[in-house]
Amino acid sequence: MSGFRIVLLHYSCPPVVGGVEEVLSQQARVFSKHGNKVKVLAGAGERFLRNVDVETTHLLSSRNDEIVLLHEKAVEKNDTEPLLNMIDRIYEYLKKAIKGFDVLIVHNVLTMHYNLPLTYALHRIANDGFPVINWCHDSPFFYDSYPDYLESRPFQILRKYNENMIYVVISLYRKKLFYNLYGRRGKFHVIPNGIDPMGFLKLDSTTAKLVDELELLKPDFIMVQPSRLHPRKNMELSIRVLKALKDRGINAKLLITGAHDPHETRDREYRDNLLALSRSLGVDKDVVFLAGYRFSDGETLTPDKIVVRDLFLISDILFMPSYHEGFGIPLLESGLIKLPVVCSTIPPFKEIGRNKVCFFDLDDSPDKIADKIISFTSKMKTQRLFREVIKNYTWDNIYENRILPLLETVIRK
């Protein structure tokens, strides 16, 4: 099942700045990217993505003076009666706004105290049978300093677990807190907040396109070799080491960025031999020759310095098995961005890397080199955290592995 119609709701959306606003915008982006129709409902904000509709109304605002006054009256009377007319107005608005959509994802509004009539109206929408996902970020009751008026009866709905809603919490810690808040009851799906690595790392648009098309955020391990296709670069060994890593159950890829000279017969034959070797070892889908790569839209990639730098940023190691080099600029570039280096013990590499890189002998077997790589990187906590973030906390992977299965279950039900 795909192509859902999703409504996202919060008090505000970008360009209003805030943590939940950022999560909402990232979800809107990833939902739309994966073929869903997305609409945002908010009390303040503007259209922030070309293909995502944004509908704003003061009825959903956290700073609506009329609603603030109703809060005060409700607290004075310790009753919800002053809120009823506004609840009806918001309920009728929401019914129209979500018509034709499959699911409503509500961020924080059902657990925070800034628009109580909206909270009540959303409970009514869920009780009508419309799928409502309560995406829980926070609650004032988690803190000792919450206002006394939250103990009044109208605000107790913030402690109410509604069995007609689906609850998502952003961490195991929050799951425990919400479970206790709701009287030690309830079922919760843990889906963490994510990060957009291409936006955070400021990847070039060409690189971002390549990462998407080759799904370079999915492998367990990426080796990058920024070398021109020439026999002295020893790319056969790179391919055989890749095979050895895959034999150990690691979903690895090898990115070869350098070009070959189309006018040089030897270079052209060398590339053909590398392709044949990759096919014979069954890793042809995991070895990516980037020079001359043709995108699905027909555009041809030319890996310039910016693209190569970007690929360093998303890779796990620089792999340099050269037989001969005069120097070793890629080692310097890797040092600048803290990319671990695994390379052959040739004099220029030893002069630069000294005891700061992982060396192997050129007569080492691919299996031995693969084991060295695994041992080397397993001791590097920064690299391990990097791969953990890429695998479990990027929005694309969160969507495919956690959010999409939930949406399919909720909407099918």
Protein backbone atom coordinates (compact mmCIF):
# COMPACT_ATOMS: atom_id res chain seq x y z
CA MET A 1 0.00 0.00 0.00
CA SER A 2 1.38 3.43 -0.92
CA GLY A 3 0.27 6.89 -1.93
CA PHE A 4 -1.51 7.81 1.29
CA ARG A 5 -3.29 11.12 1.91
CA ILE A 6 -1.83 12.50 5.12
CA VAL A 7 -2.70 15.55 7.21
CA LEU A 8 -0.13 16.91 9.67
CA LEU A 9 -1.31 19.24 12.45
CA HIS A 10 0.48 21.45 14.96
CA TYR A 11 0.00 24.90 16.50
CA SER A 12 2.40 26.31 13.91
CA CYS A 13 4.64 25.31 11.02
CA PRO A 14 7.67 26.85 9.25
CA PRO A 15 8.80 29.50 8.86
CA VAL A 16 7.89 29.60 12.57
CA VAL A 17 10.99 28.23 14.31
CA GLY A 18 10.71 25.42 16.84
CA GLY A 19 11.69 21.82 17.49
CA VAL A 20 8.28 20.31 16.71
CA GLU A 21 7.91 22.62 13.71
CA GLU A 22 11.19 21.22 12.36
CA VAL A 23 10.04 17.61 12.88
CA LEU A 24 6.74 18.40 11.14
CA SER A 25 8.55 19.96 8.17
CA GLN A 26 10.90 16.99 7.85
CA GLN A 27 7.96 14.57 7.97
CA ALA A 28 6.10 16.58 5.34
CA ARG A 29 9.18 16.44 3.13
CA VAL A 30 9.79 12.70 3.48
CA PHE A 31 6.08 11.80 3.17
CA SER A 32 5.81 13.82 -0.03
CA LYS A 33 9.07 12.42 -1.38
CA HIS A 34 7.72 8.88 -1.04
CA GLY A 35 4.61 9.56 -3.07
CA ASN A 36 2.07 10.61 -0.46
CA LYS A 37 -0.26 13.58 -0.69
CA VAL A 38 0.46 15.84 2.28
CA LYS A 39 -1.45 18.71 3.82
CA VAL A 40 -0.43 20.75 6.86
CA LEU A 41 -2.93 22.37 9.23
CA ALA A 42 -1.55 25.01 11.59
CA GLY A 43 -2.43 28.11 13.53
CA ALA A 44 0.51 30.06 12.10
CA GLY A 45 3.03 29.63 9.30
CA GLU A 46 3.26 29.61 5.54
CA ARG A 47 3.75 27.19 2.67
CA PHE A 48 7.28 25.85 3.08
CA LEU A 49 7.40 23.10 0.43
CA ARG A 50 6.31 23.45 -3.16
CA ASN A 51 4.27 20.24 -3.22
CA VAL A 52 2.76 20.41 0.29
CA ASP A 53 -0.40 22.43 0.94
CA VAL A 54 -0.50 24.52 4.11
CA GLU A 55 -3.78 25.71 5.60
CA THR A 56 -3.66 28.10 8.54
CA THR A 57 -6.41 29.34 10.83
CA HIS A 58 -6.45 31.14 14.18
CA LEU A 59 -8.63 28.28 15.47
CA LEU A 60 -5.53 26.09 15.73
CA SER A 61 -3.24 28.72 17.20
CA SER A 62 -1.58 28.57 20.60
CA ARG A 63 -1.85 32.38 20.81
CA ASN A 64 -5.50 32.97 20.04
CA ASP A 65 -6.70 35.63 22.51
CA GLU A 66 -10.25 34.31 22.40
CA ILE A 67 -9.08 30.83 23.36
CA VAL A 68 -6.81 32.17 26.13
CA LEU A 69 -9.84 33.93 27.63
CA LEU A 70 -11.89 30.73 27.39
CA HIS A 71 -9.13 28.88 29.25
CA GLU A 72 -9.39 31.38 32.08
CA LYS A 73 -13.17 31.06 32.29
CA ALA A 74 -12.97 27.26 32.23
CA VAL A 75 -10.49 27.28 35.12
CA GLU A 76 -12.66 29.72 37.13
CA LYS A 77 -15.73 27.50 36.75
CA ASN A 78 -13.73 24.25 36.89
CA ASP A 79 -15.89 23.16 33.96
CA THR A 80 -15.63 22.71 30.21
CA GLU A 81 -18.89 24.57 29.48
CA PRO A 82 -17.18 27.86 28.50
CA LEU A 83 -15.22 25.89 25.90
CA LEU A 84 -18.12 24.09 24.23
CA ASN A 85 -18.92 26.56 21.47
CA MET A 86 -15.26 26.84 20.45
CA ILE A 87 -14.88 23.06 20.55
CA ASP A 88 -17.82 22.75 18.16
CA ARG A 89 -16.34 25.38 15.82
CA ILE A 90 -12.95 23.66 15.69
CA TYR A 91 -14.55 20.23 15.32
CA GLU A 92 -16.58 21.39 12.32
CA TYR A 93 -13.51 23.01 10.78
CA LEU A 94 -11.43 19.87 11.22
CA LYS A 95 -14.10 17.63 9.70
CA LYS A 96 -14.01 19.70 6.52
CA ALA A 97 -10.21 20.11 6.50
CA ILE A 98 -9.49 16.37 6.71
CA LYS A 99 -12.24 15.25 4.33
CA GLY A 100 -10.84 13.01 1.63
CA PHE A 101 -7.69 12.20 3.62
CA ASP A 102 -6.65 8.86 5.13
CA VAL A 103 -5.03 9.83 8.42
CA LEU A 104 -4.43 12.80 10.71
CA ILE A 105 -1.07 13.04 12.48
CA VAL A 106 -1.22 15.43 15.42
CA HIS A 107 2.03 16.75 16.88
CA ASN A 108 2.00 17.64 20.57
CA VAL A 109 -1.41 19.35 20.53
CA LEU A 110 -3.09 16.48 22.39
CA THR A 111 -0.54 16.54 25.20
CA MET A 112 0.17 20.25 25.65
CA HIS A 113 -2.04 22.96 27.17
CA TYR A 114 -2.00 25.81 24.66
CA ASN A 115 -5.34 25.25 22.91
CA LEU A 116 -7.72 23.17 24.99
CA PRO A 117 -10.74 23.40 22.63
CA LEU A 118 -8.56 21.99 19.85
CA THR A 119 -7.55 19.10 22.09
CA TYR A 120 -11.18 18.26 22.87
CA ALA A 121 -12.19 18.57 19.20
CA LEU A 122 -9.42 16.14 18.18
CA HIS A 123 -10.63 13.57 20.70
CA ARG A 124 -14.08 13.89 19.13
CA ILE A 125 -12.62 13.38 15.64
CA ALA A 126 -10.90 10.18 16.84
CA ASN A 127 -14.06 8.96 18.55
CA ASP A 128 -15.89 9.40 15.23
CA GLY A 129 -13.60 6.70 13.84
CA PHE A 130 -11.22 8.85 11.78
CA PRO A 131 -7.61 7.58 12.12
CA VAL A 132 -5.75 9.97 14.43
CA ILE A 133 -2.10 9.41 15.31
CA ASN A 134 -1.15 11.25 18.49
CA TRP A 135 2.56 12.02 18.01
CA CYS A 136 3.69 12.68 21.58
CA HIS A 137 6.74 14.86 22.13
CA ASP A 138 6.20 16.38 25.56
CA SER A 139 3.81 17.11 28.42
CA PRO A 140 3.80 19.86 31.07
CA PHE A 141 3.13 17.18 33.69
CA PHE A 142 6.64 15.80 33.23
CA TYR A 143 8.01 18.83 35.07
CA ASP A 144 7.59 19.89 38.70
CA SER A 145 7.03 23.52 37.74
CA TYR A 146 3.84 23.13 35.70
CA PRO A 147 1.11 25.76 36.40
CA ASP A 148 -1.39 25.02 39.15
CA TYR A 149 -4.36 25.63 36.84
CA LEU A 150 -3.49 22.44 34.94
CA GLU A 151 -4.90 20.53 37.92
CA SER A 152 -8.39 21.91 37.16
CA ARG A 153 -10.92 19.53 35.61
CA PRO A 154 -10.92 20.93 32.04
CA PHE A 155 -7.20 20.26 31.66
CA GLN A 156 -7.41 16.66 32.84
CA ILE A 157 -8.04 15.64 29.24
CA LEU A 158 -4.28 16.01 28.80
CA ARG A 159 -3.92 12.98 31.08
CA LYS A 160 -6.52 10.96 29.19
CA TYR A 161 -5.58 7.95 27.08
CA ASN A 162 -7.99 7.53 24.18
CA GLU A 163 -8.24 3.98 22.87
CA ASN A 164 -9.54 5.32 19.56
CA MET A 165 -6.18 7.00 18.87
CA ILE A 166 -2.81 5.58 17.87
CA TYR A 167 0.03 6.80 20.07
CA VAL A 168 3.58 7.46 18.90
CA VAL A 169 6.33 8.51 21.30
CA ILE A 170 9.78 9.74 20.29
CA SER A 171 11.91 7.66 22.68
CA LEU A 172 11.75 4.78 25.16
CA TYR A 173 12.18 7.34 27.91
CA ARG A 174 9.11 9.26 26.73
CA LYS A 175 7.20 5.98 26.45
CA LYS A 176 7.75 5.35 30.16
CA LEU A 177 6.68 8.88 31.07
CA PHE A 178 3.51 8.81 28.98
CA TYR A 179 2.64 5.32 30.22
CA ASN A 180 2.75 6.64 33.79
CA LEU A 181 0.90 9.85 32.85
CA TYR A 182 -2.00 7.83 31.44
CA GLY A 183 -2.41 5.80 34.63
CA ARG A 184 0.02 3.03 33.66
CA ARG A 185 -1.95 2.04 30.60
CA GLY A 186 -1.78 2.36 26.86
CA LYS A 187 0.02 1.04 23.79
CA PHE A 188 2.79 3.16 22.28
CA HIS A 189 4.83 2.97 19.08
CA VAL A 190 8.38 4.29 19.53
CA ILE A 191 9.48 6.26 16.46
CA PRO A 192 12.43 8.58 17.02
CA ASN A 193 12.95 12.01 15.59
CA GLY A 194 15.25 11.95 12.61
CA ILE A 195 17.83 13.95 10.73
CA ASP A 196 18.24 14.90 7.11
CA PRO A 197 21.93 14.19 6.42
CA MET A 198 21.89 15.81 3.00
CA GLY A 199 20.53 19.03 4.42
CA PHE A 200 22.68 18.98 7.55
CA LEU A 201 25.87 18.21 5.64
CA LYS A 202 24.94 20.69 2.89
CA LEU A 203 25.44 18.08 0.19
CA ASP A 204 25.53 19.35 -3.36
CA SER A 205 22.29 18.83 -5.30
CA THR A 206 24.07 16.43 -7.67
CA THR A 207 25.32 14.36 -4.74
CA ALA A 208 21.87 14.35 -3.15
CA LYS A 209 20.41 13.10 -6.41
CA LEU A 210 23.05 10.34 -6.56
CA VAL A 211 22.47 9.33 -2.93
CA ASP A 212 18.74 9.02 -3.58
CA GLU A 213 19.07 7.11 -6.85
CA LEU A 214 21.68 4.64 -5.54
CA GLU A 215 20.09 4.48 -2.07
CA LEU A 216 23.46 5.20 -0.46
CA LEU A 217 21.91 5.66 2.99
CA LYS A 218 20.99 1.98 3.17
CA PRO A 219 24.30 0.04 3.15
CA ASP A 220 26.02 -0.99 6.38
CA PHE A 221 29.40 0.12 5.10
CA ILE A 222 30.76 2.29 2.28
CA MET A 223 34.33 2.35 0.98
CA VAL A 224 35.34 5.22 -1.26
CA GLN A 225 38.34 5.16 -3.60
CA PRO A 226 38.92 8.49 -5.36
CA SER A 227 41.37 7.14 -7.93
CA ARG A 228 41.68 7.34 -11.69
CA LEU A 229 41.10 4.00 -13.35
CA HIS A 230 44.68 2.82 -13.81
CA PRO A 231 46.29 -0.55 -13.02
CA ARG A 232 48.68 0.95 -10.45
CA LYS A 233 45.62 1.95 -8.37
CA ASN A 234 45.04 -1.77 -7.72
CA MET A 235 41.26 -1.62 -7.92
CA GLU A 236 41.05 -5.38 -8.35
CA LEU A 237 42.01 -5.65 -4.69
CA SER A 238 39.31 -3.14 -3.72
CA ILE A 239 36.70 -5.31 -5.41
CA ARG A 240 38.00 -8.50 -3.81
CA VAL A 241 38.03 -6.87 -0.36
CA LEU A 242 34.45 -5.74 -0.95
CA LYS A 243 33.56 -9.35 -1.72
CA ALA A 244 35.28 -10.51 1.48
CA LEU A 245 33.30 -7.98 3.53
CA LYS A 246 30.05 -9.12 1.96
CA ASP A 247 30.99 -12.75 2.69
CA ARG A 248 31.10 -11.70 6.34
CA GLY A 249 27.49 -10.56 6.17
CA ILE A 250 28.22 -6.84 5.76
CA ASN A 251 26.03 -4.95 3.29
CA ALA A 252 28.92 -2.98 1.79
CA LYS A 253 29.43 -0.78 -1.27
CA LEU A 254 32.53 0.44 -3.08
CA LEU A 255 32.45 3.89 -4.68
CA ILE A 256 35.14 4.49 -7.31
CA THR A 257 35.12 8.14 -8.29
CA GLY A 258 37.99 8.41 -10.76
CA ALA A 259 37.63 8.51 -14.52
CA HIS A 260 39.40 6.51 -17.18
CA ASP A 261 40.85 8.02 -20.31
CA PRO A 262 38.47 6.93 -23.11
CA HIS A 263 41.26 7.54 -25.63
CA GLU A 264 43.74 5.31 -23.79
CA THR A 265 43.25 1.69 -24.83
CA ARG A 266 44.89 0.31 -21.67
CA ASP A 267 42.65 2.35 -19.35
CA ARG A 268 39.53 1.32 -21.26
CA GLU A 269 40.53 -2.34 -21.10
CA TYR A 270 41.27 -2.00 -17.40
CA ARG A 271 37.77 -0.70 -16.72
CA ASP A 272 36.28 -3.58 -18.72
CA ASN A 273 38.36 -6.05 -16.69
CA LEU A 274 37.15 -4.51 -13.41
CA LEU A 275 33.54 -4.79 -14.55
CA ALA A 276 34.10 -8.43 -15.51
CA LEU A 277 35.73 -9.15 -12.13
CA SER A 278 32.82 -7.54 -10.28
CA ARG A 279 30.33 -9.67 -12.21
CA SER A 280 32.31 -12.87 -11.64
CA LEU A 281 32.38 -12.22 -7.88
CA GLY A 282 28.69 -11.31 -7.76
CA VAL A 283 29.29 -7.78 -6.48
CA ASP A 284 28.63 -5.83 -9.68
CA LYS A 285 25.61 -4.12 -8.07
CA ASP A 286 27.77 -3.01 -5.15
CA VAL A 287 30.68 -1.55 -7.10
CA VAL A 288 29.78 1.92 -8.38
CA PHE A 289 31.93 3.56 -11.04
CA LEU A 290 30.88 7.17 -10.74
CA ALA A 291 32.72 8.69 -13.66
CA GLY A 292 30.30 8.68 -16.55
CA TYR A 293 27.46 7.38 -14.38
CA ARG A 294 24.16 8.01 -16.12
CA PHE A 295 21.20 9.00 -13.97
CA SER A 296 17.76 7.56 -14.66
CA ASP A 297 16.75 10.86 -16.26
CA GLY A 298 19.62 10.59 -18.76
CA GLU A 299 21.91 13.16 -17.13
CA THR A 300 25.58 12.13 -16.93
CA LEU A 301 27.51 12.58 -13.70
CA THR A 302 30.88 14.30 -13.62
CA PRO A 303 32.33 13.77 -10.13
CA ASP A 304 33.97 17.12 -9.36
CA LYS A 305 35.74 18.02 -6.12
CA ILE A 306 32.49 18.92 -4.37
CA VAL A 307 30.83 15.59 -5.22
CA VAL A 308 33.94 13.66 -4.15
CA ARG A 309 34.04 15.57 -0.84
CA ASP A 310 30.35 14.79 -0.31
CA LEU A 311 30.97 11.10 -0.90
CA PHE A 312 33.76 11.22 1.69
CA LEU A 313 31.21 12.62 4.14
CA ILE A 314 28.81 9.68 3.74
CA SER A 315 31.48 6.95 3.54
CA ASP A 316 32.94 4.85 6.34
CA ILE A 317 36.53 4.59 5.10
CA LEU A 318 38.87 5.85 2.43
CA PHE A 319 40.34 2.73 0.83
CA MET A 320 43.63 3.19 -1.04
CA PRO A 321 45.34 -0.06 -2.17
CA SER A 322 47.72 1.59 -4.65
CA TYR A 323 50.91 -0.11 -5.79
CA HIS A 324 52.61 3.24 -6.42
CA GLU A 325 51.91 6.91 -5.63
CA GLY A 326 54.02 10.04 -5.68
CA PHE A 327 52.09 11.50 -2.77
CA GLY A 328 48.58 10.90 -1.38
CA ILE A 329 46.30 13.93 -1.36
CA PRO A 330 43.16 11.83 -0.59
CA LEU A 331 44.72 11.00 2.78
CA LEU A 332 45.02 14.70 3.54
CA GLU A 333 41.42 15.31 2.48
CA SER A 334 40.25 12.42 4.65
CA GLY A 335 42.15 13.86 7.59
CA LEU A 336 40.35 17.16 7.20
CA ILE A 337 36.91 15.57 7.50
CA LYS A 338 37.95 12.82 9.95
CA LEU A 339 37.29 9.96 7.51
CA PRO A 340 39.18 6.81 8.61
CA VAL A 341 41.85 5.65 6.16
CA VAL A 342 42.78 2.09 5.21
CA CYS A 343 45.68 1.93 2.77
CA SER A 344 48.64 -0.02 1.46
CA THR A 345 52.07 0.30 3.10
CA ILE A 346 53.73 2.23 0.30
CA PRO A 347 56.23 4.95 1.30
CA PRO A 348 54.13 8.08 0.57
CA PHE A 349 51.17 6.72 2.56
CA LYS A 350 53.44 5.75 5.47
CA GLU A 351 54.98 9.22 5.43
CA ILE A 352 51.56 10.87 5.67
CA GLY A 353 49.57 8.36 7.72
CA ARG A 354 52.22 7.18 10.16
CA ASN A 355 50.33 5.63 13.09
CA LYS A 356 47.06 7.42 12.36
CA VAL A 357 45.70 5.08 9.67
CA CYS A 358 45.18 1.36 9.12
CA PHE A 359 47.87 -0.18 6.92
CA PHE A 360 47.92 -3.49 5.10
CA ASP A 361 50.61 -5.18 3.04
CA LEU A 362 50.06 -5.55 -0.66
CA ASP A 363 50.55 -9.30 -0.41
CA ASP A 364 47.84 -9.61 2.29
CA SER A 365 44.84 -11.65 1.19
CA PRO A 366 41.46 -9.91 0.70
CA ASP A 367 40.15 -11.88 3.68
CA LYS A 368 42.96 -10.65 5.91
CA ILE A 369 42.41 -7.05 4.80
CA ALA A 370 38.66 -7.34 5.38
CA ASP A 371 39.34 -8.57 8.92
CA LYS A 372 41.71 -5.65 9.49
CA ILE A 373 39.04 -3.22 8.32
CA ILE A 374 36.44 -4.72 10.63
CA SER A 375 38.82 -4.68 13.60
CA PHE A 376 39.96 -1.13 12.84
CA THR A 377 36.52 0.41 12.45
CA SER A 378 34.93 -1.55 15.30
CA LYS A 379 37.18 0.27 17.75
CA MET A 380 36.18 3.69 16.43
CA LYS A 381 33.13 4.84 18.39
CA THR A 382 32.66 7.93 16.24
CA GLN A 383 32.44 5.85 13.08
CA ARG A 384 30.06 3.41 14.74
CA LEU A 385 27.80 6.26 15.88
CA PHE A 386 27.91 7.71 12.36
CA ARG A 387 26.65 4.46 10.87
CA GLU A 388 24.04 4.08 13.64
CA VAL A 389 22.70 7.55 12.84
CA ILE A 390 22.63 6.87 9.09
CA LYS A 391 20.93 3.51 9.53
CA ASN A 392 18.38 4.31 12.22
CA TYR A 393 17.91 8.06 12.41
CA THR A 394 17.69 9.39 8.86
CA TRP A 395 14.16 10.33 7.86
CA ASP A 396 14.15 8.11 4.76
CA ASN A 397 15.05 5.03 6.77
CA ILE A 398 12.68 5.95 9.63
CA TYR A 399 9.89 6.34 7.10
CA GLU A 400 10.50 3.03 5.32
CA ASN A 401 11.23 0.93 8.42
CA ARG A 402 8.88 2.42 11.02
CA ILE A 403 6.39 4.99 9.78
CA LEU A 404 5.24 3.27 6.59
CA PRO A 405 4.39 -0.06 8.33
CA LEU A 406 2.42 1.92 10.94
CA LEU A 407 0.52 3.87 8.31
CA GLU A 408 -0.32 0.69 6.41
CA THR A 409 -1.65 -0.94 9.59
CA VAL A 410 -3.62 2.11 10.73
CA ILE A 411 -5.21 2.89 7.40
CA ARG A 412 -5.97 -0.73 6.55
CA LYS A 413 -7.64 -1.11 9.96
